[in-house]
Amino acid sequence: MMKGGLGNIMKQAQQMQERLQQVQEELAHVEVQGHAGGNLVEVTMTCRNDVRRVRIDASLLEDGDKEMLEDLVAAAVNDALRNAEKTSSERLSTVTGGMNIPGLNLPF
């Protein structure tokens, strides 16, 4: 009886691992945005943290304030990273049932 129970647990663990891998592959294509400066700067990235686009409102270029622009880009990237982490955690928790699995580095 123990053997069957352990075998069933191992099978479920393997299925969960396969589903986690599938969700991680899907997340590589999910895009999130980060914003700063009242949406004057927008960064689009995947949940795998690959930056796809940076949009800077033309009005920021007219000001010539390089430091402010750099700060806004950094803030937008950080916002996008937080959004990617949140989205990844939400999607992966549907597979793990909210369990914190040691050794599972999220999002990748």
PDB file of N, CA and C in Angstrom:
ATOM      1  N   MET A   1       0.822  -1.189   0.000  1.00  0.00           N
ATOM      2  CA  MET A   1       0.000   0.000   0.000  1.00  0.00           C
ATOM      3  C   MET A   1       0.874   1.263   0.000  1.00  0.00           C
ATOM      4  N   MET A   2       1.958   1.260   0.774  1.00  0.00           N
ATOM      5  CA  MET A   2       2.856   2.408   0.800  1.00  0.00           C
ATOM      6  C   MET A   2       3.470   2.652  -0.572  1.00  0.00           C
ATOM      7  N   LYS A   3       3.822   1.576  -1.253  1.00  0.00           N
ATOM      8  CA  LYS A   3       4.458   1.703  -2.551  1.00  0.00           C
ATOM      9  C   LYS A   3       3.550   2.438  -3.535  1.00  0.00           C
ATOM     10  N   GLY A   4       2.272   2.048  -3.579  1.00  0.00           N
ATOM     11  CA  GLY A   4       1.314   2.704  -4.460  1.00  0.00           C
ATOM     12  C   GLY A   4       1.127   4.161  -4.102  1.00  0.00           C
ATOM     13  N   GLY A   5       1.095   4.455  -2.809  1.00  0.00           N
ATOM     14  CA  GLY A   5       0.927   5.838  -2.355  1.00  0.00           C
ATOM     15  C   GLY A   5       2.106   6.698  -2.759  1.00  0.00           C
ATOM     16  N   LEU A   6       3.307   6.171  -2.581  1.00  0.00           N
ATOM     17  CA  LEU A   6       4.513   6.907  -2.948  1.00  0.00           C
ATOM     18  C   LEU A   6       4.584   7.095  -4.454  1.00  0.00           C
ATOM     19  N   GLY A   7       4.224   6.048  -5.191  1.00  0.00           N
ATOM     20  CA  GLY A   7       4.220   6.147  -6.649  1.00  0.00           C
ATOM     21  C   GLY A   7       3.248   7.210  -7.132  1.00  0.00           C
ATOM     22  N   ASN A   8       2.102   7.298  -6.479  1.00  0.00           N
ATOM     23  CA  ASN A   8       1.099   8.295  -6.841  1.00  0.00           C
ATOM     24  C   ASN A   8       1.607   9.701  -6.537  1.00  0.00           C
ATOM     25  N   ILE A   9       2.273   9.864  -5.415  1.00  0.00           N
ATOM     26  CA  ILE A   9       2.837  11.168  -5.043  1.00  0.00           C
ATOM     27  C   ILE A   9       3.903  11.594  -6.058  1.00  0.00           C
ATOM     28  N   MET A  10       4.743  10.645  -6.450  1.00  0.00           N
ATOM     29  CA  MET A  10       5.798  10.933  -7.426  1.00  0.00           C
ATOM     30  C   MET A  10       5.183  11.330  -8.775  1.00  0.00           C
ATOM     31  N   LYS A  11       4.124  10.642  -9.164  1.00  0.00           N
ATOM     32  CA  LYS A  11       3.457  10.961 -10.425  1.00  0.00           C
ATOM     33  C   LYS A  11       2.868  12.367 -10.370  1.00  0.00           C
ATOM     34  N   GLN A  12       2.232  12.708  -9.249  1.00  0.00           N
ATOM     35  CA  GLN A  12       1.658  14.045  -9.097  1.00  0.00           C
ATOM     36  C   GLN A  12       2.751  15.116  -9.108  1.00  0.00           C
ATOM     37  N   ALA A  13       3.874  14.818  -8.472  1.00  0.00           N
ATOM     38  CA  ALA A  13       4.981  15.772  -8.449  1.00  0.00           C
ATOM     39  C   ALA A  13       5.527  15.996  -9.852  1.00  0.00           C
ATOM     40  N   GLN A  14       5.627  14.923 -10.625  1.00  0.00           N
ATOM     41  CA  GLN A  14       6.113  15.045 -11.999  1.00  0.00           C
ATOM     42  C   GLN A  14       5.134  15.866 -12.842  1.00  0.00           C
ATOM     43  N   GLN A  15       3.834  15.643 -12.655  1.00  0.00           N
ATOM     44  CA  GLN A  15       2.834  16.416 -13.390  1.00  0.00           C
ATOM     45  C   GLN A  15       2.906  17.891 -13.020  1.00  0.00           C
ATOM     46  N   MET A  16       3.106  18.169 -11.731  1.00  0.00           N
ATOM     47  CA  MET A  16       3.224  19.555 -11.290  1.00  0.00           C
ATOM     48  C   MET A  16       4.467  20.193 -11.906  1.00  0.00           C
ATOM     49  N   GLN A  17       5.562  19.466 -11.934  1.00  0.00           N
ATOM     50  CA  GLN A  17       6.794  19.987 -12.513  1.00  0.00           C
ATOM     51  C   GLN A  17       6.608  20.296 -13.998  1.00  0.00           C
ATOM     52  N   GLU A  18       5.930  19.411 -14.715  1.00  0.00           N
ATOM     53  CA  GLU A  18       5.672  19.639 -16.134  1.00  0.00           C
ATOM     54  C   GLU A  18       4.779  20.864 -16.335  1.00  0.00           C
ATOM     55  N   ARG A  19       3.781  21.015 -15.500  1.00  0.00           N
ATOM     56  CA  ARG A  19       2.871  22.163 -15.603  1.00  0.00           C
ATOM     57  C   ARG A  19       3.606  23.458 -15.268  1.00  0.00           C
ATOM     58  N   LEU A  20       4.477  23.421 -14.250  1.00  0.00           N
ATOM     59  CA  LEU A  20       5.269  24.603 -13.903  1.00  0.00           C
ATOM     60  C   LEU A  20       6.148  25.021 -15.073  1.00  0.00           C
ATOM     61  N   GLN A  21       6.771  24.058 -15.719  1.00  0.00           N
ATOM     62  CA  GLN A  21       7.633  24.357 -16.866  1.00  0.00           C
ATOM     63  C   GLN A  21       6.808  24.976 -17.992  1.00  0.00           C
ATOM     64  N   GLN A  22       5.620  24.443 -18.214  1.00  0.00           N
ATOM     65  CA  GLN A  22       4.742  24.977 -19.252  1.00  0.00           C
ATOM     66  C   GLN A  22       4.356  26.418 -18.945  1.00  0.00           C
ATOM     67  N   VAL A  23       3.995  26.697 -17.698  1.00  0.00           N
ATOM     68  CA  VAL A  23       3.617  28.058 -17.313  1.00  0.00           C
ATOM     69  C   VAL A  23       4.809  28.997 -17.451  1.00  0.00           C
ATOM     70  N   GLN A  24       6.001  28.547 -17.077  1.00  0.00           N
ATOM     71  CA  GLN A  24       7.195  29.386 -17.214  1.00  0.00           C
ATOM     72  C   GLN A  24       7.461  29.717 -18.679  1.00  0.00           C
ATOM     73  N   GLU A  25       7.264  28.752 -19.560  1.00  0.00           N
ATOM     74  CA  GLU A  25       7.443  29.002 -20.991  1.00  0.00           C
ATOM     75  C   GLU A  25       6.413  30.010 -21.491  1.00  0.00           C
ATOM     76  N   GLU A  26       5.184  29.905 -21.005  1.00  0.00           N
ATOM     77  CA  GLU A  26       4.140  30.862 -21.380  1.00  0.00           C
ATOM     78  C   GLU A  26       4.491  32.262 -20.885  1.00  0.00           C
ATOM     79  N   LEU A  27       5.020  32.352 -19.662  1.00  0.00           N
ATOM     80  CA  LEU A  27       5.359  33.649 -19.083  1.00  0.00           C
ATOM     81  C   LEU A  27       6.441  34.378 -19.883  1.00  0.00           C
ATOM     82  N   ALA A  28       7.265  33.647 -20.600  1.00  0.00           N
ATOM     83  CA  ALA A  28       8.302  34.280 -21.420  1.00  0.00           C
ATOM     84  C   ALA A  28       7.685  35.138 -22.519  1.00  0.00           C
ATOM     85  N   HIS A  29       6.407  34.911 -22.812  1.00  0.00           N
ATOM     86  CA  HIS A  29       5.727  35.662 -23.869  1.00  0.00           C
ATOM     87  C   HIS A  29       4.701  36.662 -23.323  1.00  0.00           C
ATOM     88  N   VAL A  30       4.444  36.623 -22.024  1.00  0.00           N
ATOM     89  CA  VAL A  30       3.484  37.545 -21.414  1.00  0.00           C
ATOM     90  C   VAL A  30       4.187  38.882 -21.193  1.00  0.00           C
ATOM     91  N   GLU A  31       3.567  39.949 -21.691  1.00  0.00           N
ATOM     92  CA  GLU A  31       4.148  41.274 -21.538  1.00  0.00           C
ATOM     93  C   GLU A  31       3.432  42.062 -20.438  1.00  0.00           C
ATOM     94  N   VAL A  32       4.214  42.824 -19.696  1.00  0.00           N
ATOM     95  CA  VAL A  32       3.691  43.727 -18.671  1.00  0.00           C
ATOM     96  C   VAL A  32       4.294  45.107 -18.922  1.00  0.00           C
ATOM     97  N   GLN A  33       3.672  46.120 -18.339  1.00  0.00           N
ATOM     98  CA  GLN A  33       4.179  47.479 -18.488  1.00  0.00           C
ATOM     99  C   GLN A  33       4.555  48.048 -17.127  1.00  0.00           C
ATOM    100  N   GLY A  34       5.464  48.981 -17.199  1.00  0.00           N
ATOM    101  CA  GLY A  34       5.820  49.787 -16.043  1.00  0.00           C
ATOM    102  C   GLY A  34       5.759  51.238 -16.466  1.00  0.00           C
ATOM    103  N   HIS A  35       5.320  52.096 -15.562  1.00  0.00           N
ATOM    104  CA  HIS A  35       5.153  53.510 -15.884  1.00  0.00           C
ATOM    105  C   HIS A  35       5.828  54.380 -14.834  1.00  0.00           C
ATOM    106  N   ALA A  36       6.167  55.596 -15.263  1.00  0.00           N
ATOM    107  CA  ALA A  36       6.723  56.589 -14.341  1.00  0.00           C
ATOM    108  C   ALA A  36       6.390  57.974 -14.876  1.00  0.00           C
ATOM    109  N   GLY A  37       6.409  58.926 -13.974  1.00  0.00           N
ATOM    110  CA  GLY A  37       6.181  60.317 -14.361  1.00  0.00           C
ATOM    111  C   GLY A  37       4.803  60.554 -14.939  1.00  0.00           C
ATOM    112  N   GLY A  38       3.791  59.928 -14.344  1.00  0.00           N
ATOM    113  CA  GLY A  38       2.438  60.105 -14.860  1.00  0.00           C
ATOM    114  C   GLY A  38       2.298  59.572 -16.271  1.00  0.00           C
ATOM    115  N   ASN A  39       2.904  58.429 -16.522  1.00  0.00           N
ATOM    116  CA  ASN A  39       2.867  57.736 -17.826  1.00  0.00           C
ATOM    117  C   ASN A  39       3.688  58.431 -18.910  1.00  0.00           C
ATOM    118  N   LEU A  40       4.582  59.337 -18.524  1.00  0.00           N
ATOM    119  CA  LEU A  40       5.452  59.962 -19.516  1.00  0.00           C
ATOM    120  C   LEU A  40       6.520  58.988 -19.998  1.00  0.00           C
ATOM    121  N   VAL A  41       6.829  58.001 -19.171  1.00  0.00           N
ATOM    122  CA  VAL A  41       7.768  56.950 -19.554  1.00  0.00           C
ATOM    123  C   VAL A  41       7.068  55.617 -19.336  1.00  0.00           C
ATOM    124  N   GLU A  42       7.140  54.770 -20.354  1.00  0.00           N
ATOM    125  CA  GLU A  42       6.529  53.439 -20.269  1.00  0.00           C
ATOM    126  C   GLU A  42       7.547  52.398 -20.733  1.00  0.00           C
ATOM    127  N   VAL A  43       7.686  51.344 -19.954  1.00  0.00           N
ATOM    128  CA  VAL A  43       8.565  50.232 -20.300  1.00  0.00           C
ATOM    129  C   VAL A  43       7.697  48.985 -20.432  1.00  0.00           C
ATOM    130  N   THR A  44       7.881  48.267 -21.527  1.00  0.00           N
ATOM    131  CA  THR A  44       7.186  47.003 -21.740  1.00  0.00           C
ATOM    132  C   THR A  44       8.227  45.901 -21.692  1.00  0.00           C
ATOM    133  N   MET A  45       7.948  44.884 -20.862  1.00  0.00           N
ATOM    134  CA  MET A  45       8.871  43.755 -20.747  1.00  0.00           C
ATOM    135  C   MET A  45       8.079  42.473 -20.597  1.00  0.00           C
ATOM    136  N   THR A  46       8.769  41.363 -20.814  1.00  0.00           N
ATOM    137  CA  THR A  46       8.135  40.068 -20.603  1.00  0.00           C
ATOM    138  C   THR A  46       8.274  39.695 -19.134  1.00  0.00           C
ATOM    139  N   CYS A  47       7.535  38.667 -18.741  1.00  0.00           N
ATOM    140  CA  CYS A  47       7.655  38.170 -17.369  1.00  0.00           C
ATOM    141  C   CYS A  47       8.953  37.394 -17.172  1.00  0.00           C
ATOM    142  N   ARG A  48       9.757  37.337 -18.198  1.00  0.00           N
ATOM    143  CA  ARG A  48      11.089  36.756 -18.098  1.00  0.00           C
ATOM    144  C   ARG A  48      12.133  37.874 -18.008  1.00  0.00           C
ATOM    145  N   ASN A  49      11.621  39.101 -17.843  1.00  0.00           N
ATOM    146  CA  ASN A  49      12.435  40.306 -17.646  1.00  0.00           C
ATOM    147  C   ASN A  49      13.226  40.728 -18.882  1.00  0.00           C
ATOM    148  N   ASP A  50      12.714  40.424 -20.064  1.00  0.00           N
ATOM    149  CA  ASP A  50      13.300  40.920 -21.302  1.00  0.00           C
ATOM    150  C   ASP A  50      12.570  42.198 -21.692  1.00  0.00           C
ATOM    151  N   VAL A  51      13.282  43.315 -21.740  1.00  0.00           N
ATOM    152  CA  VAL A  51      12.668  44.583 -22.102  1.00  0.00           C
ATOM    153  C   VAL A  51      12.386  44.572 -23.601  1.00  0.00           C
ATOM    154  N   ARG A  52      11.133  44.846 -23.950  1.00  0.00           N
ATOM    155  CA  ARG A  52      10.731  44.852 -25.362  1.00  0.00           C
ATOM    156  C   ARG A  52      10.672  46.271 -25.939  1.00  0.00           C
ATOM    157  N   ARG A  53      10.174  47.225 -25.130  1.00  0.00           N
ATOM    158  CA  ARG A  53      10.015  48.594 -25.626  1.00  0.00           C
ATOM    159  C   ARG A  53      10.195  49.588 -24.482  1.00  0.00           C
ATOM    160  N   VAL A  54      10.700  50.752 -24.854  1.00  0.00           N
ATOM    161  CA  VAL A  54      10.740  51.893 -23.946  1.00  0.00           C
ATOM    162  C   VAL A  54      10.115  53.052 -24.710  1.00  0.00           C
ATOM    163  N   ARG A  55       9.076  53.641 -24.129  1.00  0.00           N
ATOM    164  CA  ARG A  55       8.410  54.782 -24.754  1.00  0.00           C
ATOM    165  C   ARG A  55       8.618  56.000 -23.856  1.00  0.00           C
ATOM    166  N   ILE A  56       9.137  57.066 -24.458  1.00  0.00           N
ATOM    167  CA  ILE A  56       9.389  58.309 -23.724  1.00  0.00           C
ATOM    168  C   ILE A  56       8.596  59.412 -24.396  1.00  0.00           C
ATOM    169  N   ASP A  57       7.757  60.080 -23.637  1.00  0.00           N
ATOM    170  CA  ASP A  57       6.956  61.174 -24.168  1.00  0.00           C
ATOM    171  C   ASP A  57       7.886  62.279 -24.676  1.00  0.00           C
ATOM    172  N   ALA A  58       7.561  62.824 -25.827  1.00  0.00           N
ATOM    173  CA  ALA A  58       8.397  63.842 -26.461  1.00  0.00           C
ATOM    174  C   ALA A  58       8.617  65.065 -25.576  1.00  0.00           C
ATOM    175  N   SER A  59       7.658  65.377 -24.715  1.00  0.00           N
ATOM    176  CA  SER A  59       7.797  66.555 -23.853  1.00  0.00           C
ATOM    177  C   SER A  59       9.000  66.427 -22.917  1.00  0.00           C
ATOM    178  N   LEU A  60       9.365  65.208 -22.564  1.00  0.00           N
ATOM    179  CA  LEU A  60      10.533  65.014 -21.696  1.00  0.00           C
ATOM    180  C   LEU A  60      11.827  65.315 -22.430  1.00  0.00           C
ATOM    181  N   LEU A  61      11.828  65.116 -23.720  1.00  0.00           N
ATOM    182  CA  LEU A  61      13.041  65.373 -24.503  1.00  0.00           C
ATOM    183  C   LEU A  61      13.262  66.865 -24.703  1.00  0.00           C
ATOM    184  N   GLU A  62      12.180  67.620 -24.688  1.00  0.00           N
ATOM    185  CA  GLU A  62      12.269  69.074 -24.864  1.00  0.00           C
ATOM    186  C   GLU A  62      12.882  69.752 -23.643  1.00  0.00           C
ATOM    187  N   ASP A  63      12.638  69.174 -22.465  1.00  0.00           N
ATOM    188  CA  ASP A  63      13.131  69.782 -21.230  1.00  0.00           C
ATOM    189  C   ASP A  63      14.646  69.730 -21.127  1.00  0.00           C
ATOM    190  N   GLY A  64      15.247  68.710 -21.687  1.00  0.00           N
ATOM    191  CA  GLY A  64      16.696  68.583 -21.638  1.00  0.00           C
ATOM    192  C   GLY A  64      17.230  68.192 -20.276  1.00  0.00           C
ATOM    193  N   ASP A  65      16.362  67.765 -19.355  1.00  0.00           N
ATOM    194  CA  ASP A  65      16.790  67.363 -18.016  1.00  0.00           C
ATOM    195  C   ASP A  65      17.175  65.881 -18.052  1.00  0.00           C
ATOM    196  N   LYS A  66      18.439  65.628 -18.359  1.00  0.00           N
ATOM    197  CA  LYS A  66      18.933  64.269 -18.539  1.00  0.00           C
ATOM    198  C   LYS A  66      18.771  63.429 -17.274  1.00  0.00           C
ATOM    199  N   GLU A  67      19.097  64.000 -16.123  1.00  0.00           N
ATOM    200  CA  GLU A  67      19.003  63.246 -14.863  1.00  0.00           C
ATOM    201  C   GLU A  67      17.570  62.840 -14.556  1.00  0.00           C
ATOM    202  N   MET A  68      16.627  63.748 -14.789  1.00  0.00           N
ATOM    203  CA  MET A  68      15.229  63.424 -14.532  1.00  0.00           C
ATOM    204  C   MET A  68      14.775  62.297 -15.462  1.00  0.00           C
ATOM    205  N   LEU A  69      15.156  62.363 -16.728  1.00  0.00           N
ATOM    206  CA  LEU A  69      14.784  61.331 -17.691  1.00  0.00           C
ATOM    207  C   LEU A  69      15.369  59.985 -17.277  1.00  0.00           C
ATOM    208  N   GLU A  70      16.617  59.980 -16.863  1.00  0.00           N
ATOM    209  CA  GLU A  70      17.246  58.735 -16.408  1.00  0.00           C
ATOM    210  C   GLU A  70      16.517  58.161 -15.199  1.00  0.00           C
ATOM    211  N   ASP A  71      16.149  59.031 -14.262  1.00  0.00           N
ATOM    212  CA  ASP A  71      15.417  58.581 -13.073  1.00  0.00           C
ATOM    213  C   ASP A  71      14.055  58.000 -13.443  1.00  0.00           C
ATOM    214  N   LEU A  72      13.364  58.637 -14.385  1.00  0.00           N
ATOM    215  CA  LEU A  72      12.048  58.147 -14.807  1.00  0.00           C
ATOM    216  C   LEU A  72      12.152  56.804 -15.530  1.00  0.00           C
ATOM    217  N   VAL A  73      13.172  56.639 -16.352  1.00  0.00           N
ATOM    218  CA  VAL A  73      13.363  55.349 -17.037  1.00  0.00           C
ATOM    219  C   VAL A  73      13.644  54.254 -16.007  1.00  0.00           C
ATOM    220  N   ALA A  74      14.507  54.547 -15.053  1.00  0.00           N
ATOM    221  CA  ALA A  74      14.802  53.566 -14.001  1.00  0.00           C
ATOM    222  C   ALA A  74      13.550  53.219 -13.209  1.00  0.00           C
ATOM    223  N   ALA A  75      12.744  54.222 -12.873  1.00  0.00           N
ATOM    224  CA  ALA A  75      11.514  53.979 -12.116  1.00  0.00           C
ATOM    225  C   ALA A  75      10.530  53.138 -12.929  1.00  0.00           C
ATOM    226  N   ALA A  76      10.423  53.405 -14.222  1.00  0.00           N
ATOM    227  CA  ALA A  76       9.517  52.633 -15.079  1.00  0.00           C
ATOM    228  C   ALA A  76       9.985  51.187 -15.208  1.00  0.00           C
ATOM    229  N   VAL A  77      11.291  50.980 -15.320  1.00  0.00           N
ATOM    230  CA  VAL A  77      11.831  49.611 -15.380  1.00  0.00           C
ATOM    231  C   VAL A  77      11.539  48.877 -14.075  1.00  0.00           C
ATOM    232  N   ASN A  78      11.756  49.544 -12.953  1.00  0.00           N
ATOM    233  CA  ASN A  78      11.474  48.911 -11.655  1.00  0.00           C
ATOM    234  C   ASN A  78       9.994  48.585 -11.499  1.00  0.00           C
ATOM    235  N   ASP A  79       9.133  49.460 -11.980  1.00  0.00           N
ATOM    236  CA  ASP A  79       7.690  49.208 -11.927  1.00  0.00           C
ATOM    237  C   ASP A  79       7.341  47.991 -12.791  1.00  0.00           C
ATOM    238  N   ALA A  80       7.929  47.917 -13.972  1.00  0.00           N
ATOM    239  CA  ALA A  80       7.676  46.765 -14.853  1.00  0.00           C
ATOM    240  C   ALA A  80       8.186  45.473 -14.215  1.00  0.00           C
ATOM    241  N   LEU A  81       9.340  45.527 -13.565  1.00  0.00           N
ATOM    242  CA  LEU A  81       9.871  44.337 -12.883  1.00  0.00           C
ATOM    243  C   LEU A  81       8.923  43.856 -11.788  1.00  0.00           C
ATOM    244  N   ARG A  82       8.398  44.793 -11.006  1.00  0.00           N
ATOM    245  CA  ARG A  82       7.440  44.423  -9.957  1.00  0.00           C
ATOM    246  C   ARG A  82       6.181  43.807 -10.564  1.00  0.00           C
ATOM    247  N   ASN A  83       5.713  44.380 -11.670  1.00  0.00           N
ATOM    248  CA  ASN A  83       4.525  43.840 -12.326  1.00  0.00           C
ATOM    249  C   ASN A  83       4.790  42.456 -12.912  1.00  0.00           C
ATOM    250  N   ALA A  84       5.983  42.243 -13.449  1.00  0.00           N
ATOM    251  CA  ALA A  84       6.344  40.931 -13.992  1.00  0.00           C
ATOM    252  C   ALA A  84       6.409  39.899 -12.872  1.00  0.00           C
ATOM    253  N   GLU A  85       6.989  40.279 -11.747  1.00  0.00           N
ATOM    254  CA  GLU A  85       7.087  39.371 -10.605  1.00  0.00           C
ATOM    255  C   GLU A  85       5.700  39.001 -10.076  1.00  0.00           C
ATOM    256  N   LYS A  86       4.836  39.993  -9.967  1.00  0.00           N
ATOM    257  CA  LYS A  86       3.472  39.754  -9.480  1.00  0.00           C
ATOM    258  C   LYS A  86       2.709  38.829 -10.427  1.00  0.00           C
ATOM    259  N   THR A  87       2.787  39.110 -11.716  1.00  0.00           N
ATOM    260  CA  THR A  87       2.097  38.285 -12.710  1.00  0.00           C
ATOM    261  C   THR A  87       2.626  36.859 -12.688  1.00  0.00           C
ATOM    262  N   SER A  88       3.944  36.701 -12.619  1.00  0.00           N
ATOM    263  CA  SER A  88       4.551  35.371 -12.579  1.00  0.00           C
ATOM    264  C   SER A  88       4.109  34.603 -11.339  1.00  0.00           C
ATOM    265  N   SER A  89       4.139  35.271 -10.200  1.00  0.00           N
ATOM    266  CA  SER A  89       3.738  34.614  -8.956  1.00  0.00           C
ATOM    267  C   SER A  89       2.284  34.169  -9.005  1.00  0.00           C
ATOM    268  N   GLU A  90       1.430  35.045  -9.535  1.00  0.00           N
ATOM    269  CA  GLU A  90       0.010  34.700  -9.628  1.00  0.00           C
ATOM    270  C   GLU A  90      -0.211  33.490 -10.530  1.00  0.00           C
ATOM    271  N   ARG A  91       0.457  33.482 -11.673  1.00  0.00           N
ATOM    272  CA  ARG A  91       0.262  32.374 -12.622  1.00  0.00           C
ATOM    273  C   ARG A  91       0.841  31.071 -12.086  1.00  0.00           C
ATOM    274  N   LEU A  92       2.002  31.157 -11.460  1.00  0.00           N
ATOM    275  CA  LEU A  92       2.636  29.942 -10.942  1.00  0.00           C
ATOM    276  C   LEU A  92       1.893  29.407  -9.717  1.00  0.00           C
ATOM    277  N   SER A  93       1.269  30.289  -8.945  1.00  0.00           N
ATOM    278  CA  SER A  93       0.552  29.813  -7.759  1.00  0.00           C
ATOM    279  C   SER A  93      -0.688  29.015  -8.141  1.00  0.00           C
ATOM    280  N   THR A  94      -1.199  29.219  -9.360  1.00  0.00           N
ATOM    281  CA  THR A  94      -2.331  28.403  -9.796  1.00  0.00           C
ATOM    282  C   THR A  94      -1.905  26.950  -9.961  1.00  0.00           C
ATOM    283  N   VAL A  95      -0.626  26.728 -10.239  1.00  0.00           N
ATOM    284  CA  VAL A  95      -0.104  25.367 -10.396  1.00  0.00           C
ATOM    285  C   VAL A  95       0.262  24.773  -9.045  1.00  0.00           C
ATOM    286  N   THR A  96       0.879  25.580  -8.190  1.00  0.00           N
ATOM    287  CA  THR A  96       1.376  25.072  -6.911  1.00  0.00           C
ATOM    288  C   THR A  96       0.330  25.148  -5.808  1.00  0.00           C
ATOM    289  N   GLY A  97      -0.801  25.727  -6.106  1.00  0.00           N
ATOM    290  CA  GLY A  97      -1.842  25.867  -5.079  1.00  0.00           C
ATOM    291  C   GLY A  97      -1.416  26.801  -3.970  1.00  0.00           C
ATOM    292  N   GLY A  98      -0.511  27.725  -4.274  1.00  0.00           N
ATOM    293  CA  GLY A  98      -0.041  28.684  -3.290  1.00  0.00           C
ATOM    294  C   GLY A  98       1.059  28.158  -2.382  1.00  0.00           C
ATOM    295  N   MET A  99       1.484  26.902  -2.610  1.00  0.00           N
ATOM    296  CA  MET A  99       2.555  26.334  -1.782  1.00  0.00           C
ATOM    297  C   MET A  99       3.874  27.015  -2.117  1.00  0.00           C
ATOM    298  N   ASN A 100       4.681  27.234  -1.112  1.00  0.00           N
ATOM    299  CA  ASN A 100       6.031  27.734  -1.319  1.00  0.00           C
ATOM    300  C   ASN A 100       6.942  26.516  -1.449  1.00  0.00           C
ATOM    301  N   ILE A 101       7.420  26.264  -2.637  1.00  0.00           N
ATOM    302  CA  ILE A 101       8.225  25.075  -2.880  1.00  0.00           C
ATOM    303  C   ILE A 101       9.703  25.441  -2.803  1.00  0.00           C
ATOM    304  N   PRO A 102      10.438  24.877  -1.828  1.00  0.00           N
ATOM    305  CA  PRO A 102      11.858  25.183  -1.709  1.00  0.00           C
ATOM    306  C   PRO A 102      12.618  24.816  -2.980  1.00  0.00           C
ATOM    307  N   GLY A 103      13.542  25.681  -3.367  1.00  0.00           N
ATOM    308  CA  GLY A 103      14.344  25.406  -4.550  1.00  0.00           C
ATOM    309  C   GLY A 103      13.692  25.869  -5.836  1.00  0.00           C
ATOM    310  N   LEU A 104      12.446  26.319  -5.775  1.00  0.00           N
ATOM    311  CA  LEU A 104      11.770  26.822  -6.971  1.00  0.00           C
ATOM    312  C   LEU A 104      12.013  28.325  -7.024  1.00  0.00           C
ATOM    313  N   ASN A 105      12.920  28.723  -7.899  1.00  0.00           N
ATOM    314  CA  ASN A 105      13.266  30.139  -8.012  1.00  0.00           C
ATOM    315  C   ASN A 105      12.296  30.813  -8.961  1.00  0.00           C
ATOM    316  N   LEU A 106      11.498  31.725  -8.415  1.00  0.00           N
ATOM    317  CA  LEU A 106      10.526  32.428  -9.232  1.00  0.00           C
ATOM    318  C   LEU A 106      11.047  33.804  -9.565  1.00  0.00           C
ATOM    319  N   PRO A 107      10.756  34.336 -10.725  1.00  0.00           N
ATOM    320  CA  PRO A 107      10.004  33.709 -11.765  1.00  0.00           C
ATOM    321  C   PRO A 107      10.823  32.738 -12.589  1.00  0.00           C
ATOM    322  N   PHE A 108      12.163  32.890 -12.676  1.00  0.00           N
ATOM    323  CA  PHE A 108      12.979  31.941 -13.446  1.00  0.00           C
ATOM    324  C   PHE A 108      14.309  31.768 -12.773  1.00  0.00           C
TER     325      PHE A 108
END
